[in-house]
Amino acid sequence: MIIRVKKNKNYTVICNECLQRPDISLKAKGLFAYLMSLPDNWKIHKKELVNHFKDGTTSINSAFKELEKAGYIITKHIRDKKGRFADVEYIIKESINPITENLISDSLISENQPLQNTNKNKILKKQNTKIISSEVKTSEALPTSSGHSLNVPEEKPFITIPIVQRNPNDPLEYPIYEQDIQEWQETFPGVNVRQELKKIRLWNKDNPRRRKTKNGIRRHITTWLSKAQDKGRRSSGETSKPKPRTPDWY
């Protein structure tokens, strides 16, 4: 039995598509439902999400990436006039179904448009896509009420790392995006992350039997970067030097 309340205030209407997918974890569905409950113009900061859940940063980042891979979160990197990284904008998609996507509202460039509720044949003032803050990994054209299309640029990975293919549907290489590089660079400031990623790619190409799975590749990269930072500290003399041995005759 499910006990419902009369929805006259403080409620959210969400497409069932993501919530009823068996291939998406419970924590990812919970994060998706929370994001869809926010105002359409809400600007999301991943680090700030931790303040709204009892889950830790690792758990939230994992759910966030799961939604990204499923296509419900698109990340767009914003650059300044000099081409330098300035900000990240996240676009939350209520549906990735091509049929449903045709109902995407013009809020990407203007105001909300009506969305057809297929359950009750009523028109809802609810947009199908939310711009909430940070990255884009698709080159699809989003329709507008004027008949024109808003082209969303495709984000290409900085580099791909060869991995073990356990299942036929698994990719042969794991993509690394700018957002990943930003996070690693903040964690390992003493390392040239881009250069180390190139070394990691070459090492995995030369050692096919020691490659990692798609679930283990990020740990492999983190361990590599940690060792690279420790090595840099030792070479620069940051580690404490051993005390000289006191002579026996002293």
C-alpha atoms as a PDB file:
ATOM      1  CA  MET A   1       0.000   0.000   0.000  1.00  0.00           C
ATOM      2  CA  ILE A   2       1.234   3.498  -0.882  1.00  0.00           C
ATOM      3  CA  ILE A   3      -0.246   6.419   1.075  1.00  0.00           C
ATOM      4  CA  ARG A   4      -0.232   9.621  -0.968  1.00  0.00           C
ATOM      5  CA  VAL A   5      -1.089  13.202  -0.087  1.00  0.00           C
ATOM      6  CA  LYS A   6      -3.188  15.768  -1.900  1.00  0.00           C
ATOM      7  CA  LYS A   7      -0.737  17.681  -4.079  1.00  0.00           C
ATOM      8  CA  ASN A   8      -1.748  21.306  -3.739  1.00  0.00           C
ATOM      9  CA  LYS A   9       1.645  22.650  -2.619  1.00  0.00           C
ATOM     10  CA  ASN A  10       5.263  21.621  -2.037  1.00  0.00           C
ATOM     11  CA  TYR A  11       5.401  18.775  -4.575  1.00  0.00           C
ATOM     12  CA  THR A  12       7.327  17.866  -7.733  1.00  0.00           C
ATOM     13  CA  VAL A  13       6.135  16.144 -10.912  1.00  0.00           C
ATOM     14  CA  ILE A  14       8.874  13.924 -12.385  1.00  0.00           C
ATOM     15  CA  CYS A  15       8.970  11.666 -15.416  1.00  0.00           C
ATOM     16  CA  ASN A  16       9.157   8.012 -14.318  1.00  0.00           C
ATOM     17  CA  GLU A  17      11.763   7.107 -16.926  1.00  0.00           C
ATOM     18  CA  CYS A  18      14.905   7.427 -14.786  1.00  0.00           C
ATOM     19  CA  LEU A  19      13.285   6.356 -11.515  1.00  0.00           C
ATOM     20  CA  GLN A  20      12.050   3.049 -12.932  1.00  0.00           C
ATOM     21  CA  ARG A  21      15.229   2.025 -14.753  1.00  0.00           C
ATOM     22  CA  PRO A  22      16.673  -1.155 -13.143  1.00  0.00           C
ATOM     23  CA  ASP A  23      20.197  -0.363 -14.371  1.00  0.00           C
ATOM     24  CA  ILE A  24      20.468   2.818 -12.278  1.00  0.00           C
ATOM     25  CA  SER A  25      21.340   2.603  -8.579  1.00  0.00           C
ATOM     26  CA  LEU A  26      19.077   3.749  -5.768  1.00  0.00           C
ATOM     27  CA  LYS A  27      21.448   6.546  -4.686  1.00  0.00           C
ATOM     28  CA  ALA A  28      21.628   7.888  -8.257  1.00  0.00           C
ATOM     29  CA  LYS A  29      17.824   7.894  -8.479  1.00  0.00           C
ATOM     30  CA  GLY A  30      17.641   9.721  -5.152  1.00  0.00           C
ATOM     31  CA  LEU A  31      20.064  12.386  -6.357  1.00  0.00           C
ATOM     32  CA  PHE A  32      18.119  12.708  -9.617  1.00  0.00           C
ATOM     33  CA  ALA A  33      14.832  13.191  -7.753  1.00  0.00           C
ATOM     34  CA  TYR A  34      16.422  15.835  -5.503  1.00  0.00           C
ATOM     35  CA  LEU A  35      17.849  17.748  -8.478  1.00  0.00           C
ATOM     36  CA  MET A  36      14.485  17.682 -10.255  1.00  0.00           C
ATOM     37  CA  SER A  37      12.839  19.153  -7.155  1.00  0.00           C
ATOM     38  CA  LEU A  38      14.989  22.289  -7.365  1.00  0.00           C
ATOM     39  CA  PRO A  39      13.944  25.484  -9.187  1.00  0.00           C
ATOM     40  CA  ASP A  40      14.679  25.442 -12.904  1.00  0.00           C
ATOM     41  CA  ASN A  41      17.268  28.225 -12.676  1.00  0.00           C
ATOM     42  CA  TRP A  42      19.081  26.741  -9.663  1.00  0.00           C
ATOM     43  CA  LYS A  43      22.875  26.735  -9.937  1.00  0.00           C
ATOM     44  CA  ILE A  44      24.414  23.547  -8.597  1.00  0.00           C
ATOM     45  CA  HIS A  45      27.867  23.182  -7.059  1.00  0.00           C
ATOM     46  CA  LYS A  46      28.885  19.563  -6.523  1.00  0.00           C
ATOM     47  CA  LYS A  47      30.785  20.349  -3.325  1.00  0.00           C
ATOM     48  CA  GLU A  48      27.734  22.147  -1.908  1.00  0.00           C
ATOM     49  CA  LEU A  49      25.529  19.072  -2.434  1.00  0.00           C
ATOM     50  CA  VAL A  50      27.257  17.396   0.503  1.00  0.00           C
ATOM     51  CA  ASN A  51      25.509  19.836   2.847  1.00  0.00           C
ATOM     52  CA  HIS A  52      22.095  18.461   1.824  1.00  0.00           C
ATOM     53  CA  PHE A  53      22.770  14.738   2.338  1.00  0.00           C
ATOM     54  CA  LYS A  54      24.227  12.505   5.021  1.00  0.00           C
ATOM     55  CA  ASP A  55      26.209  10.763   2.282  1.00  0.00           C
ATOM     56  CA  GLY A  56      29.860  11.647   1.881  1.00  0.00           C
ATOM     57  CA  THR A  57      31.566  13.334  -1.066  1.00  0.00           C
ATOM     58  CA  THR A  58      32.631  10.023  -2.608  1.00  0.00           C
ATOM     59  CA  SER A  59      29.088   8.645  -2.599  1.00  0.00           C
ATOM     60  CA  ILE A  60      27.589  11.797  -4.113  1.00  0.00           C
ATOM     61  CA  ASN A  61      30.293  12.019  -6.793  1.00  0.00           C
ATOM     62  CA  SER A  62      29.650   8.371  -7.663  1.00  0.00           C
ATOM     63  CA  ALA A  63      25.903   8.975  -8.082  1.00  0.00           C
ATOM     64  CA  PHE A  64      26.617  12.146 -10.072  1.00  0.00           C
ATOM     65  CA  LYS A  65      28.915  10.314 -12.493  1.00  0.00           C
ATOM     66  CA  GLU A  66      26.394   7.489 -12.857  1.00  0.00           C
ATOM     67  CA  LEU A  67      23.753   9.981 -13.984  1.00  0.00           C
ATOM     68  CA  GLU A  68      26.285  11.570 -16.340  1.00  0.00           C
ATOM     69  CA  LYS A  69      27.063   8.225 -17.971  1.00  0.00           C
ATOM     70  CA  ALA A  70      23.338   7.484 -18.288  1.00  0.00           C
ATOM     71  CA  GLY A  71      22.821  10.839 -20.048  1.00  0.00           C
ATOM     72  CA  TYR A  72      20.685  12.573 -17.416  1.00  0.00           C
ATOM     73  CA  ILE A  73      23.408  15.066 -16.486  1.00  0.00           C
ATOM     74  CA  ILE A  74      25.289  17.006 -19.136  1.00  0.00           C
ATOM     75  CA  THR A  75      28.373  18.991 -18.165  1.00  0.00           C
ATOM     76  CA  LYS A  76      29.416  22.146 -19.968  1.00  0.00           C
ATOM     77  CA  HIS A  77      32.768  23.814 -19.363  1.00  0.00           C
ATOM     78  CA  ILE A  78      32.695  27.609 -19.441  1.00  0.00           C
ATOM     79  CA  ARG A  79      35.822  29.453 -20.595  1.00  0.00           C
ATOM     80  CA  ASP A  80      36.724  33.114 -20.454  1.00  0.00           C
ATOM     81  CA  LYS A  81      37.749  35.308 -23.386  1.00  0.00           C
ATOM     82  CA  LYS A  82      41.317  34.030 -23.160  1.00  0.00           C
ATOM     83  CA  GLY A  83      40.182  30.429 -23.411  1.00  0.00           C
ATOM     84  CA  ARG A  84      40.941  29.622 -19.795  1.00  0.00           C
ATOM     85  CA  PHE A  85      38.643  27.423 -17.705  1.00  0.00           C
ATOM     86  CA  ALA A  86      36.255  29.666 -15.756  1.00  0.00           C
ATOM     87  CA  ASP A  87      33.248  27.647 -14.581  1.00  0.00           C
ATOM     88  CA  VAL A  88      31.168  24.506 -15.062  1.00  0.00           C
ATOM     89  CA  GLU A  89      27.461  24.392 -15.880  1.00  0.00           C
ATOM     90  CA  TYR A  90      25.358  21.275 -15.258  1.00  0.00           C
ATOM     91  CA  ILE A  91      22.286  20.587 -17.398  1.00  0.00           C
ATOM     92  CA  ILE A  92      19.865  18.116 -15.827  1.00  0.00           C
ATOM     93  CA  LYS A  93      17.704  16.227 -18.341  1.00  0.00           C
ATOM     94  CA  GLU A  94      14.445  14.806 -17.093  1.00  0.00           C
ATOM     95  CA  SER A  95      14.373  12.318 -19.981  1.00  0.00           C
ATOM     96  CA  ILE A  96      16.843  10.933 -22.512  1.00  0.00           C
ATOM     97  CA  ASN A  97      14.073   9.383 -24.598  1.00  0.00           C
ATOM     98  CA  PRO A  98      14.165  10.998 -28.087  1.00  0.00           C
ATOM     99  CA  ILE A  99      10.355  11.147 -28.175  1.00  0.00           C
ATOM    100  CA  THR A 100      10.167  12.888 -24.813  1.00  0.00           C
ATOM    101  CA  GLU A 101      13.080  15.175 -25.675  1.00  0.00           C
ATOM    102  CA  ASN A 102      10.967  16.828 -28.349  1.00  0.00           C
ATOM    103  CA  LEU A 103       9.049  18.398 -25.474  1.00  0.00           C
ATOM    104  CA  ILE A 104      12.142  20.164 -24.106  1.00  0.00           C
ATOM    105  CA  SER A 105      11.189  23.697 -23.125  1.00  0.00           C
ATOM    106  CA  ASP A 106      12.613  26.956 -24.362  1.00  0.00           C
ATOM    107  CA  SER A 107      13.979  27.747 -20.916  1.00  0.00           C
ATOM    108  CA  LEU A 108      17.414  27.102 -22.398  1.00  0.00           C
ATOM    109  CA  ILE A 109      16.992  30.483 -24.081  1.00  0.00           C
ATOM    110  CA  SER A 110      13.759  32.020 -22.772  1.00  0.00           C
ATOM    111  CA  GLU A 111      10.856  30.991 -20.524  1.00  0.00           C
ATOM    112  CA  ASN A 112       9.213  27.694 -19.564  1.00  0.00           C
ATOM    113  CA  GLN A 113       6.952  26.001 -22.097  1.00  0.00           C
ATOM    114  CA  PRO A 114       4.047  23.585 -21.398  1.00  0.00           C
ATOM    115  CA  LEU A 115       4.898  19.900 -21.106  1.00  0.00           C
ATOM    116  CA  GLN A 116       2.328  17.234 -21.934  1.00  0.00           C
ATOM    117  CA  ASN A 117       1.621  14.895 -19.027  1.00  0.00           C
ATOM    118  CA  THR A 118       1.167  11.532 -20.789  1.00  0.00           C
ATOM    119  CA  ASN A 119      -0.425   9.999 -17.693  1.00  0.00           C
ATOM    120  CA  LYS A 120      -3.460  12.312 -17.401  1.00  0.00           C
ATOM    121  CA  ASN A 121      -3.458  14.251 -20.685  1.00  0.00           C
ATOM    122  CA  LYS A 122      -3.085  17.528 -18.826  1.00  0.00           C
ATOM    123  CA  ILE A 123      -0.738  20.329 -19.669  1.00  0.00           C
ATOM    124  CA  LEU A 124       1.782  21.046 -16.924  1.00  0.00           C
ATOM    125  CA  LYS A 125       3.948  24.121 -16.569  1.00  0.00           C
ATOM    126  CA  LYS A 126       6.939  21.893 -16.126  1.00  0.00           C
ATOM    127  CA  GLN A 127      10.028  21.961 -18.293  1.00  0.00           C
ATOM    128  CA  ASN A 128      11.683  18.763 -19.442  1.00  0.00           C
ATOM    129  CA  THR A 129      15.247  19.993 -19.056  1.00  0.00           C
ATOM    130  CA  LYS A 130      16.813  21.989 -16.231  1.00  0.00           C
ATOM    131  CA  ILE A 131      19.880  24.173 -16.428  1.00  0.00           C
ATOM    132  CA  ILE A 132      21.274  23.772 -12.938  1.00  0.00           C
ATOM    133  CA  SER A 133      25.047  24.385 -13.224  1.00  0.00           C
ATOM    134  CA  SER A 134      28.045  22.656 -14.962  1.00  0.00           C
ATOM    135  CA  GLU A 135      29.177  20.207 -18.500  1.00  0.00           C
ATOM    136  CA  VAL A 136      28.074  18.969 -22.016  1.00  0.00           C
ATOM    137  CA  LYS A 137      28.879  15.589 -23.550  1.00  0.00           C
ATOM    138  CA  THR A 138      26.406  15.520 -26.424  1.00  0.00           C
ATOM    139  CA  SER A 139      26.122  17.289 -29.761  1.00  0.00           C
ATOM    140  CA  GLU A 140      22.327  16.998 -30.085  1.00  0.00           C
ATOM    141  CA  ALA A 141      20.224  19.946 -31.258  1.00  0.00           C
ATOM    142  CA  LEU A 142      17.656  21.099 -28.713  1.00  0.00           C
ATOM    143  CA  PRO A 143      14.383  22.303 -30.306  1.00  0.00           C
ATOM    144  CA  THR A 144      12.940  25.735 -29.526  1.00  0.00           C
ATOM    145  CA  SER A 145       9.479  27.236 -29.985  1.00  0.00           C
ATOM    146  CA  SER A 146      10.743  29.369 -32.871  1.00  0.00           C
ATOM    147  CA  GLY A 147      11.582  26.257 -34.858  1.00  0.00           C
ATOM    148  CA  HIS A 148      15.318  26.823 -34.606  1.00  0.00           C
ATOM    149  CA  SER A 149      17.688  24.431 -32.894  1.00  0.00           C
ATOM    150  CA  LEU A 150      20.099  25.201 -30.099  1.00  0.00           C
ATOM    151  CA  ASN A 151      23.238  23.185 -30.797  1.00  0.00           C
ATOM    152  CA  VAL A 152      24.952  21.898 -27.676  1.00  0.00           C
ATOM    153  CA  PRO A 153      28.686  21.366 -28.344  1.00  0.00           C
ATOM    154  CA  GLU A 154      30.059  17.893 -27.736  1.00  0.00           C
ATOM    155  CA  GLU A 155      32.754  17.601 -25.121  1.00  0.00           C
ATOM    156  CA  LYS A 156      35.587  15.369 -26.226  1.00  0.00           C
ATOM    157  CA  PRO A 157      37.686  13.559 -23.636  1.00  0.00           C
ATOM    158  CA  PHE A 158      41.193  14.855 -23.010  1.00  0.00           C
ATOM    159  CA  ILE A 159      42.526  11.300 -23.202  1.00  0.00           C
ATOM    160  CA  THR A 160      41.357   7.693 -23.052  1.00  0.00           C
ATOM    161  CA  ILE A 161      42.971   4.905 -21.034  1.00  0.00           C
ATOM    162  CA  PRO A 162      42.928   1.275 -22.305  1.00  0.00           C
ATOM    163  CA  ILE A 163      41.014  -1.004 -19.905  1.00  0.00           C
ATOM    164  CA  VAL A 164      39.994  -4.652 -19.602  1.00  0.00           C
ATOM    165  CA  GLN A 165      36.795  -5.537 -21.445  1.00  0.00           C
ATOM    166  CA  ARG A 166      34.946  -7.945 -19.146  1.00  0.00           C
ATOM    167  CA  ASN A 167      31.635  -7.778 -21.014  1.00  0.00           C
ATOM    168  CA  PRO A 168      30.857  -7.242 -24.723  1.00  0.00           C
ATOM    169  CA  ASN A 169      29.159  -3.929 -23.862  1.00  0.00           C
ATOM    170  CA  ASP A 170      32.135  -2.608 -21.921  1.00  0.00           C
ATOM    171  CA  PRO A 171      34.244   0.054 -23.666  1.00  0.00           C
ATOM    172  CA  LEU A 172      37.806  -0.722 -24.728  1.00  0.00           C
ATOM    173  CA  GLU A 173      39.052   2.589 -23.348  1.00  0.00           C
ATOM    174  CA  TYR A 174      38.006   4.762 -20.399  1.00  0.00           C
ATOM    175  CA  PRO A 175      37.497   8.472 -21.242  1.00  0.00           C
ATOM    176  CA  ILE A 176      38.999  11.204 -19.058  1.00  0.00           C
ATOM    177  CA  TYR A 177      37.292  14.611 -19.192  1.00  0.00           C
ATOM    178  CA  GLU A 178      38.307  18.094 -18.098  1.00  0.00           C
ATOM    179  CA  GLN A 179      36.201  17.822 -14.949  1.00  0.00           C
ATOM    180  CA  ASP A 180      38.187  14.742 -13.896  1.00  0.00           C
ATOM    181  CA  ILE A 181      41.454  16.572 -14.496  1.00  0.00           C
ATOM    182  CA  GLN A 182      40.270  19.558 -12.439  1.00  0.00           C
ATOM    183  CA  GLU A 183      39.416  17.317  -9.475  1.00  0.00           C
ATOM    184  CA  TRP A 184      42.731  15.447  -9.611  1.00  0.00           C
ATOM    185  CA  GLN A 185      44.705  18.657  -9.999  1.00  0.00           C
ATOM    186  CA  GLU A 186      43.107  20.061  -6.846  1.00  0.00           C
ATOM    187  CA  THR A 187      43.902  16.855  -4.965  1.00  0.00           C
ATOM    188  CA  PHE A 188      47.464  16.551  -6.281  1.00  0.00           C
ATOM    189  CA  PRO A 189      48.674  20.151  -6.791  1.00  0.00           C
ATOM    190  CA  GLY A 190      52.306  19.071  -7.030  1.00  0.00           C
ATOM    191  CA  VAL A 191      51.686  16.907 -10.102  1.00  0.00           C
ATOM    192  CA  ASN A 192      51.239  17.751 -13.767  1.00  0.00           C
ATOM    193  CA  VAL A 193      48.067  15.672 -14.088  1.00  0.00           C
ATOM    194  CA  ARG A 194      47.853  15.937 -17.880  1.00  0.00           C
ATOM    195  CA  GLN A 195      51.398  14.701 -18.350  1.00  0.00           C
ATOM    196  CA  GLU A 196      50.903  11.846 -15.889  1.00  0.00           C
ATOM    197  CA  LEU A 197      47.716  10.764 -17.678  1.00  0.00           C
ATOM    198  CA  LYS A 198      49.707  10.455 -20.892  1.00  0.00           C
ATOM    199  CA  LYS A 199      52.189   8.236 -19.045  1.00  0.00           C
ATOM    200  CA  ILE A 200      49.319   6.139 -17.641  1.00  0.00           C
ATOM    201  CA  ARG A 201      47.880   5.653 -21.124  1.00  0.00           C
ATOM    202  CA  LEU A 202      51.253   4.577 -22.536  1.00  0.00           C
ATOM    203  CA  TRP A 203      51.884   2.201 -19.602  1.00  0.00           C
ATOM    204  CA  ASN A 204      48.519   0.499 -20.086  1.00  0.00           C
ATOM    205  CA  LYS A 205      49.086   0.192 -23.838  1.00  0.00           C
ATOM    206  CA  ASP A 206      52.427  -1.519 -23.192  1.00  0.00           C
ATOM    207  CA  ASN A 207      51.068  -3.746 -20.395  1.00  0.00           C
ATOM    208  CA  PRO A 208      47.762  -5.212 -21.655  1.00  0.00           C
ATOM    209  CA  ARG A 209      47.764  -8.017 -19.067  1.00  0.00           C
ATOM    210  CA  ARG A 210      47.956  -5.517 -16.209  1.00  0.00           C
ATOM    211  CA  ARG A 211      45.158  -3.242 -17.355  1.00  0.00           C
ATOM    212  CA  LYS A 212      42.297  -2.398 -14.991  1.00  0.00           C
ATOM    213  CA  THR A 213      38.554  -2.784 -15.354  1.00  0.00           C
ATOM    214  CA  LYS A 214      36.220   0.177 -15.815  1.00  0.00           C
ATOM    215  CA  ASN A 215      35.490  -0.005 -12.083  1.00  0.00           C
ATOM    216  CA  GLY A 216      39.145  -0.089 -11.071  1.00  0.00           C
ATOM    217  CA  ILE A 217      40.740   2.356 -13.502  1.00  0.00           C
ATOM    218  CA  ARG A 218      40.080   5.463 -11.403  1.00  0.00           C
ATOM    219  CA  ARG A 219      41.721   3.896  -8.355  1.00  0.00           C
ATOM    220  CA  HIS A 220      44.679   3.009 -10.606  1.00  0.00           C
ATOM    221  CA  ILE A 221      44.948   6.647 -11.727  1.00  0.00           C
ATOM    222  CA  THR A 222      44.604   8.017  -8.182  1.00  0.00           C
ATOM    223  CA  THR A 223      47.319   5.681  -6.889  1.00  0.00           C
ATOM    224  CA  TRP A 224      49.611   6.643  -9.779  1.00  0.00           C
ATOM    225  CA  LEU A 225      49.122  10.384  -9.140  1.00  0.00           C
ATOM    226  CA  SER A 226      49.662   9.932  -5.398  1.00  0.00           C
ATOM    227  CA  LYS A 227      52.986   8.166  -5.996  1.00  0.00           C
ATOM    228  CA  ALA A 228      54.000  10.828  -8.526  1.00  0.00           C
ATOM    229  CA  GLN A 229      53.340  13.579  -5.972  1.00  0.00           C
ATOM    230  CA  ASP A 230      55.280  11.744  -3.252  1.00  0.00           C
ATOM    231  CA  LYS A 231      58.177  11.220  -5.659  1.00  0.00           C
ATOM    232  CA  GLY A 232      58.188  14.941  -6.486  1.00  0.00           C
ATOM    233  CA  ARG A 233      58.335  15.852  -2.817  1.00  0.00           C
ATOM    234  CA  ARG A 234      61.278  13.537  -2.211  1.00  0.00           C
ATOM    235  CA  SER A 235      63.206  14.914  -5.178  1.00  0.00           C
ATOM    236  CA  SER A 236      62.621  18.502  -4.017  1.00  0.00           C
ATOM    237  CA  GLY A 237      63.826  17.713  -0.496  1.00  0.00           C
ATOM    238  CA  GLU A 238      60.469  18.263   1.227  1.00  0.00           C
ATOM    239  CA  THR A 239      60.692  15.025   3.174  1.00  0.00           C
ATOM    240  CA  SER A 240      62.626  15.091   6.403  1.00  0.00           C
ATOM    241  CA  LYS A 241      66.249  14.007   6.139  1.00  0.00           C
ATOM    242  CA  PRO A 242      67.515  11.266   8.475  1.00  0.00           C
ATOM    243  CA  LYS A 243      69.498  12.507  11.446  1.00  0.00           C
ATOM    244  CA  PRO A 244      73.256  11.920  11.199  1.00  0.00           C
ATOM    245  CA  ARG A 245      74.492   8.978  13.199  1.00  0.00           C
ATOM    246  CA  THR A 246      76.364   9.844  16.358  1.00  0.00           C
ATOM    247  CA  PRO A 247      79.942   8.478  16.199  1.00  0.00           C
ATOM    248  CA  ASP A 248      80.733   5.672  18.621  1.00  0.00           C
ATOM    249  CA  TRP A 249      83.579   7.670  20.109  1.00  0.00           C
ATOM    250  CA  TYR A 250      81.452  10.716  20.907  1.00  0.00           C
END
